Amino acid sequence: MPKKGGKKKAKEPAFLTSAADTEPFGCNVNDLIVTPMGIQVTVIGVKKSEYDIYNQLDGTLWATFPGGFNSPLRAKSAEEFEVQGYRRAHEGIHILRDKEVFEVKRQELLDAHNPILQEAQKKAKAEKKEAKGAKKKKEAKGA
């Protein structure tokens, strides 16, 4: 029997994240940029097409929007970004974001090494499993 699904989709080029790749745009990876509409986006890197890779052109800067989707930003240089109304978010916002990320990672580490919390999680999981099993037995008797 032949395989289903047809041809596989070509793999998308990866994001280039070095400072040299993002330098023409006037920002770095993980920088917060405020769009002309006032939305804060996070820079994830530069994606180059095959033509750009061979001809060493700058490529397109990509960012993650608050909804979680990735989108290209159309400007090709730092000057174009300024003209179109894009700007780098204030340094204080970057610091607050980094502090929140640090606190989340710290709490995850503390939770991972807390035996009392681990026992509570195991107990809750076992109770949930028992409740699910009791519900199935009750449904089987009723049927």
C-alpha atoms as a PDB file:
ATOM      1  CA  MET A   1       0.000   0.000   0.000  1.00  0.00           C
ATOM      2  CA  PRO A   2       1.389   3.454  -0.868  1.00  0.00           C
ATOM      3  CA  LYS A   3       2.154   5.946   1.871  1.00  0.00           C
ATOM      4  CA  LYS A   4      -0.372   8.677   2.474  1.00  0.00           C
ATOM      5  CA  GLY A   5       0.352  12.332   2.940  1.00  0.00           C
ATOM      6  CA  GLY A   6       2.192  13.222  -0.247  1.00  0.00           C
ATOM      7  CA  LYS A   7       5.405  15.217  -0.235  1.00  0.00           C
ATOM      8  CA  LYS A   8       6.794  16.589   2.982  1.00  0.00           C
ATOM      9  CA  LYS A   9       6.945  20.327   3.458  1.00  0.00           C
ATOM     10  CA  ALA A  10      10.416  21.850   3.190  1.00  0.00           C
ATOM     11  CA  LYS A  11      11.984  22.805   6.492  1.00  0.00           C
ATOM     12  CA  GLU A  12      11.842  26.520   7.219  1.00  0.00           C
ATOM     13  CA  PRO A  13      15.155  28.309   7.665  1.00  0.00           C
ATOM     14  CA  ALA A  14      16.116  28.819  11.307  1.00  0.00           C
ATOM     15  CA  PHE A  15      16.298  32.200  12.963  1.00  0.00           C
ATOM     16  CA  LEU A  16      19.718  33.801  13.097  1.00  0.00           C
ATOM     17  CA  THR A  17      20.216  35.199  16.585  1.00  0.00           C
ATOM     18  CA  SER A  18      23.734  36.611  16.714  1.00  0.00           C
ATOM     19  CA  ALA A  19      24.354  40.293  17.396  1.00  0.00           C
ATOM     20  CA  ALA A  20      25.881  40.674  13.915  1.00  0.00           C
ATOM     21  CA  ASP A  21      22.631  39.495  12.292  1.00  0.00           C
ATOM     22  CA  THR A  22      20.363  41.851  14.247  1.00  0.00           C
ATOM     23  CA  GLU A  23      22.748  44.837  14.207  1.00  0.00           C
ATOM     24  CA  PRO A  24      21.389  46.346  10.936  1.00  0.00           C
ATOM     25  CA  PHE A  25      17.972  46.616  12.603  1.00  0.00           C
ATOM     26  CA  GLY A  26      19.293  48.414  15.687  1.00  0.00           C
ATOM     27  CA  CYS A  27      18.221  45.771  18.215  1.00  0.00           C
ATOM     28  CA  ASN A  28      19.194  42.419  19.712  1.00  0.00           C
ATOM     29  CA  VAL A  29      17.422  39.118  20.304  1.00  0.00           C
ATOM     30  CA  ASN A  30      14.939  39.282  23.220  1.00  0.00           C
ATOM     31  CA  ASP A  31      14.683  43.068  22.996  1.00  0.00           C
ATOM     32  CA  LEU A  32      11.229  44.504  23.530  1.00  0.00           C
ATOM     33  CA  ILE A  33      10.078  46.749  20.701  1.00  0.00           C
ATOM     34  CA  VAL A  34       7.006  48.971  20.752  1.00  0.00           C
ATOM     35  CA  THR A  35       5.168  48.899  17.418  1.00  0.00           C
ATOM     36  CA  PRO A  36       3.459  51.966  15.920  1.00  0.00           C
ATOM     37  CA  MET A  37       0.175  50.610  17.332  1.00  0.00           C
ATOM     38  CA  GLY A  38       1.661  50.515  20.866  1.00  0.00           C
ATOM     39  CA  ILE A  39       2.010  46.722  21.089  1.00  0.00           C
ATOM     40  CA  GLN A  40       5.136  45.370  22.788  1.00  0.00           C
ATOM     41  CA  VAL A  41       6.763  42.584  20.782  1.00  0.00           C
ATOM     42  CA  THR A  42       9.853  40.488  21.533  1.00  0.00           C
ATOM     43  CA  VAL A  43      12.560  40.106  18.881  1.00  0.00           C
ATOM     44  CA  ILE A  44      13.266  36.428  18.132  1.00  0.00           C
ATOM     45  CA  GLY A  45      15.813  36.761  15.337  1.00  0.00           C
ATOM     46  CA  VAL A  46      16.433  37.296  11.649  1.00  0.00           C
ATOM     47  CA  LYS A  47      15.200  34.899   9.015  1.00  0.00           C
ATOM     48  CA  LYS A  48      16.926  34.890   5.660  1.00  0.00           C
ATOM     49  CA  SER A  49      15.494  33.454   2.480  1.00  0.00           C
ATOM     50  CA  GLU A  50      17.672  31.248   0.274  1.00  0.00           C
ATOM     51  CA  TYR A  51      18.337  34.252  -1.949  1.00  0.00           C
ATOM     52  CA  ASP A  52      19.441  36.303   1.070  1.00  0.00           C
ATOM     53  CA  ILE A  53      21.744  33.540   2.329  1.00  0.00           C
ATOM     54  CA  TYR A  54      23.646  33.321  -0.946  1.00  0.00           C
ATOM     55  CA  ASN A  55      23.816  37.070  -1.531  1.00  0.00           C
ATOM     56  CA  GLN A  56      24.485  38.050   2.108  1.00  0.00           C
ATOM     57  CA  LEU A  57      21.561  40.464   2.338  1.00  0.00           C
ATOM     58  CA  ASP A  58      20.136  41.432   5.708  1.00  0.00           C
ATOM     59  CA  GLY A  59      16.956  39.330   5.746  1.00  0.00           C
ATOM     60  CA  THR A  60      13.802  40.017   7.754  1.00  0.00           C
ATOM     61  CA  LEU A  61      13.519  40.692  11.477  1.00  0.00           C
ATOM     62  CA  TRP A  62      10.916  38.502  13.225  1.00  0.00           C
ATOM     63  CA  ALA A  63       9.147  39.137  16.519  1.00  0.00           C
ATOM     64  CA  THR A  64       6.742  37.345  18.857  1.00  0.00           C
ATOM     65  CA  PHE A  65       3.490  39.180  19.560  1.00  0.00           C
ATOM     66  CA  PRO A  66       1.619  38.949  22.901  1.00  0.00           C
ATOM     67  CA  GLY A  67      -0.773  36.332  21.497  1.00  0.00           C
ATOM     68  CA  GLY A  68       2.176  34.006  20.938  1.00  0.00           C
ATOM     69  CA  PHE A  69       2.353  34.188  17.157  1.00  0.00           C
ATOM     70  CA  ASN A  70       5.502  35.064  15.251  1.00  0.00           C
ATOM     71  CA  SER A  71       5.456  37.687  12.539  1.00  0.00           C
ATOM     72  CA  PRO A  72       8.003  39.530  10.402  1.00  0.00           C
ATOM     73  CA  LEU A  73       8.597  43.234  10.907  1.00  0.00           C
ATOM     74  CA  ARG A  74       8.772  44.872   7.499  1.00  0.00           C
ATOM     75  CA  ALA A  75      11.512  47.466   8.011  1.00  0.00           C
ATOM     76  CA  LYS A  76      14.967  46.632   6.628  1.00  0.00           C
ATOM     77  CA  SER A  77      17.120  49.037   8.672  1.00  0.00           C
ATOM     78  CA  ALA A  78      17.200  50.943  11.951  1.00  0.00           C
ATOM     79  CA  GLU A  79      16.320  54.165  10.119  1.00  0.00           C
ATOM     80  CA  GLU A  80      13.245  52.568   8.545  1.00  0.00           C
ATOM     81  CA  PHE A  81      12.155  51.337  11.972  1.00  0.00           C
ATOM     82  CA  GLU A  82      12.280  54.892  13.337  1.00  0.00           C
ATOM     83  CA  VAL A  83      10.461  56.342  10.329  1.00  0.00           C
ATOM     84  CA  GLN A  84       7.708  53.716  10.550  1.00  0.00           C
ATOM     85  CA  GLY A  85       7.234  54.359  14.296  1.00  0.00           C
ATOM     86  CA  TYR A  86       8.939  51.331  15.848  1.00  0.00           C
ATOM     87  CA  ARG A  87      11.037  52.008  18.940  1.00  0.00           C
ATOM     88  CA  ARG A  88      12.925  50.014  21.537  1.00  0.00           C
ATOM     89  CA  ALA A  89      11.057  49.775  24.830  1.00  0.00           C
ATOM     90  CA  HIS A  90      12.460  51.616  27.839  1.00  0.00           C
ATOM     91  CA  GLU A  91      15.300  49.838  29.650  1.00  0.00           C
ATOM     92  CA  GLY A  92      13.198  49.630  32.818  1.00  0.00           C
ATOM     93  CA  ILE A  93      10.680  47.399  31.027  1.00  0.00           C
ATOM     94  CA  HIS A  94      13.513  45.079  29.979  1.00  0.00           C
ATOM     95  CA  ILE A  95      14.727  44.884  33.579  1.00  0.00           C
ATOM     96  CA  LEU A  96      11.233  44.091  34.902  1.00  0.00           C
ATOM     97  CA  ARG A  97      10.803  41.360  32.284  1.00  0.00           C
ATOM     98  CA  ASP A  98      14.164  39.809  33.178  1.00  0.00           C
ATOM     99  CA  LYS A  99      13.297  39.967  36.881  1.00  0.00           C
ATOM    100  CA  GLU A 100       9.989  38.148  36.285  1.00  0.00           C
ATOM    101  CA  VAL A 101      11.735  35.440  34.231  1.00  0.00           C
ATOM    102  CA  PHE A 102      14.336  35.025  36.979  1.00  0.00           C
ATOM    103  CA  GLU A 103      11.659  34.734  39.686  1.00  0.00           C
ATOM    104  CA  VAL A 104       9.715  32.101  37.724  1.00  0.00           C
ATOM    105  CA  LYS A 105      12.852  29.991  37.158  1.00  0.00           C
ATOM    106  CA  ARG A 106      13.860  30.389  40.802  1.00  0.00           C
ATOM    107  CA  GLN A 107      10.439  29.249  42.006  1.00  0.00           C
ATOM    108  CA  GLU A 108      10.550  26.230  39.665  1.00  0.00           C
ATOM    109  CA  LEU A 109      13.921  25.226  41.137  1.00  0.00           C
ATOM    110  CA  LEU A 110      12.660  25.657  44.691  1.00  0.00           C
ATOM    111  CA  ASP A 111       9.542  23.610  43.936  1.00  0.00           C
ATOM    112  CA  ALA A 112      11.601  20.870  42.299  1.00  0.00           C
ATOM    113  CA  HIS A 113      13.695  20.419  45.457  1.00  0.00           C
ATOM    114  CA  ASN A 114      10.894  20.833  48.023  1.00  0.00           C
ATOM    115  CA  PRO A 115       9.984  17.351  49.364  1.00  0.00           C
ATOM    116  CA  ILE A 116       6.800  18.579  51.082  1.00  0.00           C
ATOM    117  CA  LEU A 117       5.459  20.040  47.845  1.00  0.00           C
ATOM    118  CA  GLN A 118       6.399  16.904  45.898  1.00  0.00           C
ATOM    119  CA  GLU A 119       4.485  14.741  48.395  1.00  0.00           C
ATOM    120  CA  ALA A 120       1.451  17.022  48.154  1.00  0.00           C
ATOM    121  CA  GLN A 121       1.528  16.810  44.351  1.00  0.00           C
ATOM    122  CA  LYS A 122       1.772  12.998  44.448  1.00  0.00           C
ATOM    123  CA  LYS A 123      -1.110  12.827  46.923  1.00  0.00           C
ATOM    124  CA  ALA A 124      -3.302  15.105  44.796  1.00  0.00           C
ATOM    125  CA  LYS A 125      -2.505  13.048  41.701  1.00  0.00           C
ATOM    126  CA  ALA A 126      -3.405   9.793  43.500  1.00  0.00           C
ATOM    127  CA  GLU A 127      -6.686  11.271  44.788  1.00  0.00           C
ATOM    128  CA  LYS A 128      -7.584  12.436  41.296  1.00  0.00           C
ATOM    129  CA  LYS A 129      -6.843   8.975  39.908  1.00  0.00           C
ATOM    130  CA  GLU A 130      -8.983   7.324  42.626  1.00  0.00           C
ATOM    131  CA  ALA A 131     -11.879   9.695  41.959  1.00  0.00           C
ATOM    132  CA  LYS A 132     -11.685   8.943  38.249  1.00  0.00           C
ATOM    133  CA  GLY A 133     -11.654   5.171  38.942  1.00  0.00           C
ATOM    134  CA  ALA A 134     -14.645   5.466  41.310  1.00  0.00           C
ATOM    135  CA  LYS A 135     -16.559   7.424  38.677  1.00  0.00           C
ATOM    136  CA  LYS A 136     -15.919   4.716  36.061  1.00  0.00           C
ATOM    137  CA  LYS A 137     -17.086   1.987  38.475  1.00  0.00           C
ATOM    138  CA  LYS A 138     -20.248   3.949  39.244  1.00  0.00           C
ATOM    139  CA  GLU A 139     -20.980   4.382  35.522  1.00  0.00           C
ATOM    140  CA  ALA A 140     -20.373   0.658  34.909  1.00  0.00           C
ATOM    141  CA  LYS A 141     -22.864  -0.305  37.644  1.00  0.00           C
ATOM    142  CA  GLY A 142     -25.467   2.115  36.311  1.00  0.00           C
ATOM    143  CA  ALA A 143     -25.234   0.792  32.737  1.00  0.00           C
END
